[in-house]
Protein backbone atom coordinates (compact mmCIF):
# COMPACT_ATOMS: atom_id res chain seq x y z
CA UNK A 1 5.41 51.33 99.73
CA UNK A 2 7.58 48.97 101.51
CA UNK A 3 5.08 47.01 103.98
CA UNK A 4 5.69 45.10 107.09
CA UNK A 5 2.67 42.29 108.56
CA UNK A 6 4.15 40.78 111.44
CA UNK A 7 1.97 37.61 111.79
CA UNK A 8 0.67 34.44 108.75
CA UNK A 9 -2.28 33.57 110.37
CA UNK A 10 -5.01 34.52 107.91
CA UNK A 11 -5.46 38.34 108.79
CA UNK A 12 -1.64 38.80 108.15
CA UNK A 13 -1.78 37.05 105.37
CA UNK A 14 -5.00 38.23 103.81
CA UNK A 15 -4.05 41.53 104.60
CA UNK A 16 -0.55 40.97 103.01
CA UNK A 17 -2.06 39.91 99.71
CA UNK A 18 -4.09 43.09 100.07
CA UNK A 19 -1.18 44.95 99.96
CA UNK A 20 0.58 43.41 97.15
CA UNK A 21 -2.51 43.77 95.34
CA UNK A 22 -2.65 47.34 95.53
CA UNK A 23 1.45 47.63 94.59
CA UNK A 24 2.79 47.73 97.82
CA UNK A 25 5.99 45.70 98.11
CA UNK A 26 5.59 43.57 101.50
CA UNK A 27 6.86 41.38 103.29
CA UNK A 28 5.23 39.02 106.32
CA UNK A 29 7.39 38.60 109.26
CA UNK A 30 6.39 35.35 111.12
CA UNK A 31 8.03 34.17 114.21
CA UNK A 32 7.26 30.51 113.67
CA UNK A 33 8.08 28.24 110.78
CA UNK A 34 5.00 27.90 108.78
CA UNK A 35 1.69 29.79 107.86
CA UNK A 36 -1.06 29.41 110.57
CA UNK A 37 0.61 28.26 113.80
CA UNK A 38 -1.30 30.00 115.87
CA UNK A 39 -4.68 31.04 115.84
CA UNK A 40 -5.50 30.13 112.33
CA UNK A 41 -5.00 26.84 113.05
CA UNK A 42 -7.60 25.88 115.33
CA UNK A 43 -10.94 26.70 115.06
CA UNK A 44 -14.01 24.80 113.71
CA UNK A 45 -13.57 26.40 109.80
CA UNK A 46 -17.11 27.41 110.03
CA UNK A 47 -18.09 30.20 107.62
CA UNK A 48 -20.42 32.73 109.89
CA UNK A 49 -24.02 34.76 107.97
CA UNK A 50 -22.78 37.46 109.97
CA UNK A 51 -25.83 36.72 112.18
CA UNK A 52 -25.25 37.17 116.04
CA UNK A 53 -23.70 40.55 116.13
CA UNK A 54 -24.71 44.11 116.40
CA UNK A 55 -25.81 46.27 113.37
CA UNK A 56 -22.79 48.41 112.70
CA UNK A 57 -20.07 46.59 114.67
CA UNK A 58 -16.90 45.51 112.56
CA UNK A 59 -17.68 42.22 113.26
CA UNK A 60 -21.30 42.81 111.50
CA UNK A 61 -19.58 44.38 108.95
CA UNK A 62 -17.52 42.27 107.80
CA UNK A 63 -18.53 39.30 108.54
CA UNK A 64 -21.40 39.67 106.07
CA UNK A 65 -19.48 41.53 103.15
CA UNK A 66 -16.41 38.82 103.92
CA UNK A 67 -18.64 35.66 103.55
CA UNK A 68 -19.61 36.65 100.03
CA UNK A 69 -15.95 37.57 99.44
CA UNK A 70 -15.04 34.62 100.55
CA UNK A 71 -16.65 31.74 99.29
CA UNK A 72 -15.96 34.19 95.72
CA UNK A 73 -12.45 34.01 96.43
CA UNK A 74 -12.55 29.79 97.27
CA UNK A 75 -14.62 29.40 93.84
CA UNK A 76 -11.90 31.17 91.74
CA UNK A 77 -8.60 30.20 93.88
CA UNK A 78 -10.10 26.23 93.75
CA UNK A 79 -10.35 25.84 97.94
CA UNK A 80 -12.52 23.19 99.07
CA UNK A 81 -15.63 24.79 101.15
CA UNK A 82 -19.52 23.89 101.48
CA UNK A 83 -22.14 25.83 102.09
CA UNK A 84 -24.37 23.01 103.50
CA UNK A 85 -26.02 25.91 105.57
CA UNK A 86 -27.05 26.13 109.55
CA UNK A 87 -29.67 25.38 111.76
CA UNK A 88 -29.89 27.62 115.38
CA UNK A 89 -32.21 25.30 117.66
CA UNK A 90 -34.63 26.17 120.50
CA UNK A 91 -35.36 23.30 122.96
CA UNK A 92 -37.98 25.83 124.66
CA UNK A 93 -39.69 28.68 125.27
CA UNK A 94 -36.40 30.92 126.80
CA UNK A 95 -34.29 29.37 123.63
CA UNK A 96 -37.26 30.36 121.48
CA UNK A 97 -37.47 34.12 122.41
CA UNK A 98 -33.54 34.12 121.57
CA UNK A 99 -33.63 32.52 118.04
CA UNK A 100 -36.19 35.25 117.32
CA UNK A 101 -33.90 37.97 118.21
CA UNK A 102 -31.35 36.04 116.38
CA UNK A 103 -33.16 36.13 113.40
CA UNK A 104 -34.32 39.75 113.71
CA UNK A 105 -30.75 40.74 113.76
CA UNK A 106 -29.71 39.05 110.98
CA UNK A 107 -32.27 40.84 108.97
CA UNK A 108 -31.20 44.08 110.21
CA UNK A 109 -27.48 43.07 109.05
CA UNK A 110 -28.25 41.91 105.73
CA UNK A 111 -28.01 38.34 106.50
CA UNK A 112 -29.29 36.21 102.92
CA UNK A 113 -32.08 33.57 103.32
CA UNK A 114 -32.89 33.42 106.98
CA UNK A 115 -35.94 31.54 107.88
CA UNK A 116 -37.48 30.59 110.87
CA UNK A 117 -39.13 27.01 110.55
CA UNK A 118 -41.30 24.92 113.03
CA UNK A 119 -39.64 21.81 114.58
CA UNK A 120 -41.71 19.23 112.29
CA UNK A 121 -39.88 20.96 109.99
CA UNK A 122 -36.31 21.25 111.20
CA UNK A 123 -36.45 17.57 111.73
CA UNK A 124 -37.80 16.53 108.58
CA UNK A 125 -33.90 17.85 107.59
CA UNK A 126 -32.52 16.14 110.71
CA UNK A 127 -34.16 13.40 111.61
CA UNK A 128 -31.73 13.63 114.58
CA UNK A 129 -32.83 16.53 115.96
CA UNK A 130 -34.62 17.62 118.76
CA UNK A 131 -35.99 21.11 118.58
CA UNK A 132 -38.97 22.94 119.27
CA UNK A 133 -38.24 25.47 116.29
CA UNK A 134 -35.06 26.27 114.34
CA UNK A 135 -33.44 29.40 112.88
CA UNK A 136 -32.33 27.94 109.75
CA UNK A 137 -28.74 29.93 107.46
CA UNK A 138 -28.43 28.74 104.27
CA UNK A 139 -25.66 30.98 103.45
CA UNK A 140 -23.88 29.41 106.54
CA UNK A 141 -20.68 26.48 105.40
CA UNK A 142 -17.55 25.50 106.26
CA UNK A 143 -13.94 25.70 104.47
CA UNK A 144 -10.80 24.72 103.83
CA UNK A 145 -9.00 26.70 106.38
CA UNK A 146 -5.60 25.51 105.36
CA UNK A 147 -6.06 25.73 102.11
CA UNK A 148 -7.66 29.05 101.58
CA UNK A 149 -4.52 30.38 104.01
CA UNK A 150 -1.93 28.48 100.77
CA UNK A 151 -4.07 30.23 98.89
CA UNK A 152 -3.51 33.45 100.26
CA UNK A 153 0.22 32.91 100.46
CA UNK A 154 0.37 32.14 96.35
CA UNK A 155 -0.91 35.16 96.15
CA UNK A 156 1.46 36.98 97.82
CA UNK A 157 4.61 35.61 96.47
CA UNK A 158 2.77 36.09 92.98
CA UNK A 159 2.28 39.79 93.24
CA UNK A 160 6.48 39.90 95.03
CA UNK A 161 5.41 39.44 98.53
CA UNK A 162 7.08 37.07 100.37
CA UNK A 163 7.68 35.99 104.14
CA UNK A 164 10.46 35.11 106.70
CA UNK A 165 9.79 32.57 108.90
CA UNK A 166 11.52 32.38 112.28
CA UNK A 167 11.79 36.08 112.04
CA UNK A 168 10.48 37.29 115.89
CA UNK A 169 9.45 41.10 115.83
CA UNK A 170 11.58 42.39 118.51
CA UNK A 171 11.56 46.19 118.80
CA UNK A 172 10.49 48.56 116.46
CA UNK A 173 10.68 52.42 116.87
CA UNK A 174 9.59 55.28 113.36
CA UNK A 175 12.25 57.77 112.72
CA UNK A 176 13.53 59.65 109.76
CA UNK A 177 9.60 59.15 108.06
CA UNK A 178 10.46 55.61 108.34
CA UNK A 179 9.90 52.11 110.70
CA UNK A 180 13.25 51.20 111.97
CA UNK A 181 12.01 47.74 112.22
CA UNK A 182 14.70 44.82 115.09
CA UNK A 183 13.78 41.37 114.71
CA UNK A 184 15.46 38.36 115.73
CA UNK A 185 16.09 34.90 114.85
CA UNK A 186 18.89 33.55 112.54
CA UNK A 187 18.63 36.19 110.69
CA UNK A 188 18.66 38.95 113.68
CA UNK A 189 19.31 42.69 112.78
CA UNK A 190 16.96 45.77 111.58
CA UNK A 191 15.09 46.88 108.54
CA UNK A 192 13.50 49.72 107.41
CA UNK A 193 9.80 49.93 106.13
CA UNK A 194 7.31 53.08 105.01
CA UNK A 195 4.33 51.18 106.96
CA UNK A 196 3.96 47.88 109.61
CA UNK A 197 0.34 45.84 110.13
CA UNK A 198 0.26 44.42 113.68
CA UNK A 199 -1.29 41.10 113.38
CA UNK A 200 0.32 39.20 115.78
CA UNK A 201 -2.85 37.26 116.98
CA UNK A 202 -2.49 36.56 120.85
CA UNK A 203 0.87 38.07 120.84
CA UNK A 204 -0.80 41.36 119.17
CA UNK A 205 -0.34 42.98 122.67
CA UNK A 206 2.55 41.96 123.50
CA UNK A 207 4.31 44.04 120.39
CA UNK A 208 2.18 46.82 120.67
CA UNK A 209 4.22 47.48 124.35
CA UNK A 210 7.09 46.74 122.39
CA UNK A 211 6.85 49.39 119.76
CA UNK A 212 8.89 52.97 121.24
CA UNK A 213 5.73 55.61 121.00
CA UNK A 214 3.01 53.34 121.70
CA UNK A 215 0.61 54.63 124.64
CA UNK A 216 0.27 52.12 127.49
CA UNK A 217 -3.15 53.76 127.54
CA UNK A 218 -4.10 52.01 123.99
CA UNK A 219 -3.27 48.47 124.71
CA UNK A 220 -6.38 46.45 125.59
CA UNK A 221 -6.33 43.75 128.25
CA UNK A 222 -5.81 40.20 126.36
CA UNK A 223 -8.53 37.86 128.30
CA UNK A 224 -8.00 33.96 127.05
CA UNK A 225 -10.84 32.21 126.12
CA UNK A 226 -9.94 28.51 125.42
CA UNK A 227 -12.21 26.56 123.39
CA UNK A 228 -12.06 22.75 123.70
CA UNK A 229 -12.88 20.37 121.13
CA UNK A 230 -14.14 16.91 120.90
CA UNK A 231 -14.88 14.49 118.12
CA UNK A 232 -17.89 12.17 117.42
CA UNK A 233 -16.36 8.26 117.00
CA UNK A 234 -19.63 7.10 115.06
CA UNK A 235 -21.21 7.57 111.54
CA UNK A 236 -22.37 11.63 111.88
CA UNK A 237 -26.03 11.99 112.62
CA UNK A 238 -26.13 15.77 110.84
CA UNK A 239 -25.53 17.12 107.48
CA UNK A 240 -25.36 20.78 108.35
CA UNK A 241 -24.30 22.82 111.13
CA UNK A 242 -26.29 22.33 114.12
CA UNK A 243 -25.90 25.34 117.12
CA UNK A 244 -27.93 26.24 120.30
CA UNK A 245 -28.50 29.23 121.31
CA UNK A 246 -25.31 31.78 122.14
CA UNK A 247 -23.45 31.64 125.34
CA UNK A 248 -21.61 33.80 127.79
CA UNK A 249 -18.32 34.08 125.58
CA UNK A 250 -19.67 31.50 122.59
CA UNK A 251 -21.94 30.27 120.47
CA UNK A 252 -22.39 27.15 122.53
CA UNK A 253 -21.04 24.36 121.86
CA UNK A 254 -22.09 22.72 118.55
CA UNK A 255 -22.01 20.09 115.78
CA UNK A 256 -19.42 21.17 113.05
CA UNK A 257 -18.44 19.34 110.01
CA UNK A 258 -15.26 18.84 107.97
CA UNK A 259 -15.48 18.74 104.69
CA UNK A 260 -14.23 14.88 105.04
CA UNK A 261 -17.85 14.20 106.60
CA UNK A 262 -16.29 14.31 109.90
CA UNK A 263 -18.39 15.83 112.81
CA UNK A 264 -17.17 17.44 115.87
CA UNK A 265 -19.02 18.91 118.68
CA UNK A 266 -17.53 21.97 120.16
CA UNK A 267 -16.08 24.70 121.69
CA UNK A 268 -16.94 25.61 124.59
CA UNK A 269 -16.18 28.99 126.84
CA UNK A 270 -12.71 28.03 129.61
CA UNK A 271 -11.66 30.79 130.68
CA UNK A 272 -8.14 30.68 131.42
CA UNK A 273 -5.26 32.89 132.61
CA UNK A 274 -2.38 31.65 130.34
CA UNK A 275 -1.84 29.75 126.88
CA UNK A 276 -2.31 25.80 126.80
CA UNK A 277 -2.97 23.39 124.45
CA UNK A 278 -4.82 20.39 126.07
CA UNK A 279 -7.74 19.22 125.87
CA UNK A 280 -9.37 17.39 129.48
CA UNK A 281 -11.06 14.63 128.20
CA UNK A 282 -13.19 15.28 132.19
CA UNK A 283 -15.03 17.94 129.89
CA UNK A 284 -16.92 15.34 127.92
CA UNK A 285 -18.61 14.99 130.43
CA UNK A 286 -21.13 19.20 130.31
CA UNK A 287 -20.62 18.53 126.49
CA UNK A 288 -22.02 15.38 126.85
CA UNK A 289 -25.12 17.40 128.92
CA UNK A 290 -25.46 20.53 126.64
CA UNK A 291 -25.49 18.14 123.31
CA UNK A 292 -28.61 15.78 124.65
CA UNK A 293 -30.35 19.37 124.68
CA UNK A 294 -30.91 19.37 121.11
CA UNK A 295 -29.65 15.77 120.48
CA UNK A 296 -30.80 13.70 123.07
CA UNK A 297 -29.60 10.25 121.45
CA UNK A 298 -25.89 11.00 121.45
CA UNK A 299 -24.56 7.35 121.89
CA UNK A 300 -22.78 7.45 125.89
CA UNK A 301 -18.80 7.00 125.49
CA UNK A 302 -18.73 8.60 122.08
CA UNK A 303 -16.84 11.63 122.75
CA UNK A 304 -12.65 11.70 122.20
CA UNK A 305 -11.11 14.65 123.40
CA UNK A 306 -9.78 16.08 119.71
CA UNK A 307 -8.10 19.43 119.74
CA UNK A 308 -8.78 23.02 121.56
CA UNK A 309 -7.60 27.24 120.33
CA UNK A 310 -7.49 29.98 122.18
CA UNK A 311 -9.69 32.69 121.78
CA UNK A 312 -7.86 36.07 121.95
CA UNK A 313 -10.86 37.95 123.62
CA UNK A 314 -11.18 42.08 124.59
CA UNK A 315 -13.84 41.21 127.33
CA UNK A 316 -14.31 38.58 129.92
CA UNK A 317 -17.17 36.40 131.53
CA UNK A 318 -20.56 38.91 132.46
CA UNK A 319 -19.14 41.59 129.68
CA UNK A 320 -20.68 42.62 127.25
CA UNK A 321 -18.67 41.19 123.39
CA UNK A 322 -15.89 43.53 122.43
CA UNK A 323 -16.42 44.45 119.34
CA UNK A 324 -12.81 43.86 116.64
CA UNK A 325 -10.41 46.23 117.55
CA UNK A 326 -8.84 47.77 114.54
CA UNK A 327 -6.13 50.47 115.46
CA UNK A 328 -4.45 53.19 113.17
CA UNK A 329 -2.80 56.13 113.51
CA UNK A 330 -6.36 58.34 114.82
CA UNK A 331 -6.62 56.08 117.83
CA UNK A 332 -2.21 55.94 118.46
CA UNK A 333 -0.80 58.84 117.39
CA UNK A 334 2.08 57.40 114.77
CA UNK A 335 1.87 56.92 111.32
CA UNK A 336 1.48 53.75 109.13
CA UNK A 337 1.08 51.81 111.65
CA UNK A 338 -1.94 49.61 112.39
CA UNK A 339 -2.43 47.88 114.89
CA UNK A 340 -5.21 44.49 115.64
CA UNK A 341 -6.88 43.22 118.83
CA UNK A 342 -9.10 40.56 119.80
CA UNK A 343 -9.64 38.88 116.61
CA UNK A 344 -11.52 36.43 116.92
CA UNK A 345 -14.85 34.38 115.71
CA UNK A 346 -15.59 35.85 112.30
CA UNK A 347 -12.12 36.69 111.67
CA UNK A 348 -11.70 33.76 109.48
CA UNK A 349 -14.77 34.23 107.46
CA UNK A 350 -14.09 38.48 108.02
CA UNK A 351 -10.11 37.95 106.81
CA UNK A 352 -10.51 39.71 103.22
CA UNK A 353 -13.23 42.41 104.15
CA UNK A 354 -11.11 43.16 107.14
CA UNK A 355 -7.96 43.32 105.23
CA UNK A 356 -9.39 45.98 102.95
CA UNK A 357 -10.02 48.28 105.90
CA UNK A 358 -6.43 47.97 107.46
CA UNK A 359 -4.85 48.93 103.94
CA UNK A 360 -7.26 51.87 103.51
CA UNK A 361 -6.72 52.91 107.00
CA UNK A 362 -2.60 51.87 106.30
CA UNK A 363 -2.94 54.01 103.12
CA UNK A 364 -4.97 57.48 104.17
């Protein structure tokens, strides 16, 4: 079967690799000149254990399963990662109740090794930390997301697949038992495929509207939530990921580390109505306030604007968090088409597991 994947982010690459591993002929159409240039290049590179998500949801299933698959893939493909662990901290009684609820949720989701520890035990692990208790998650970690995407691309090519860069999809029509896809760019034209996967990230909804016969009511709203990061200008104070309790729209301003040991903070949640990739230095004031709740000794003037990303959300402020949306023929009525909407965190962690479901849905 000839499969077209639209979008060379981490989900598109994982899905393309999964299709190629099953013997299909695969091409990725990518509108930009490289891989991972959208949502996938602007995340915290955290490998999530699967704690936060409602049991039975796509997020819970694919985060927990995908995390195990991701560590195995990285180990076998020489992709750098560090299972450094995470502490989700409580600084007062209300947050203590939230942390206890997260422990119960994580255990329901089958997350291994979770343990609720007291403030003294948490400070024994991280001396700069201030909290009354913490949920320890030893399975959480960080990964070289770009190295991971390059490994997916390499395996795709090893199995005969390819990527057509600077090749935007302008229109798709299903007729005569095939998908007729009109491309723009320097090599504009039309090609025919047996099956297609819309993994266009922030552009997934606009692409769905350019698919002839796709029901407009089945295209969900796209809600943009910007996440800003600030780097730390100093020696790292922590060796683990440090998370506060979750906030509306995100997981709170947390300590993230890269594989070189550099420490940064974020992301926050900034609801926006258009794409913007500039970090406002004035937001540092809010960062200091939130960080001091669990790290009172953060030096003044130590935060510098770093980078930001945009979450392609399906729910807005004050609304319950939407699940991932994997729309196949049973949802929209079009054969051999899977559209992916709202694949935000923990999409990186979940990518290999999600890819298997996507190909299952495509070939059912």
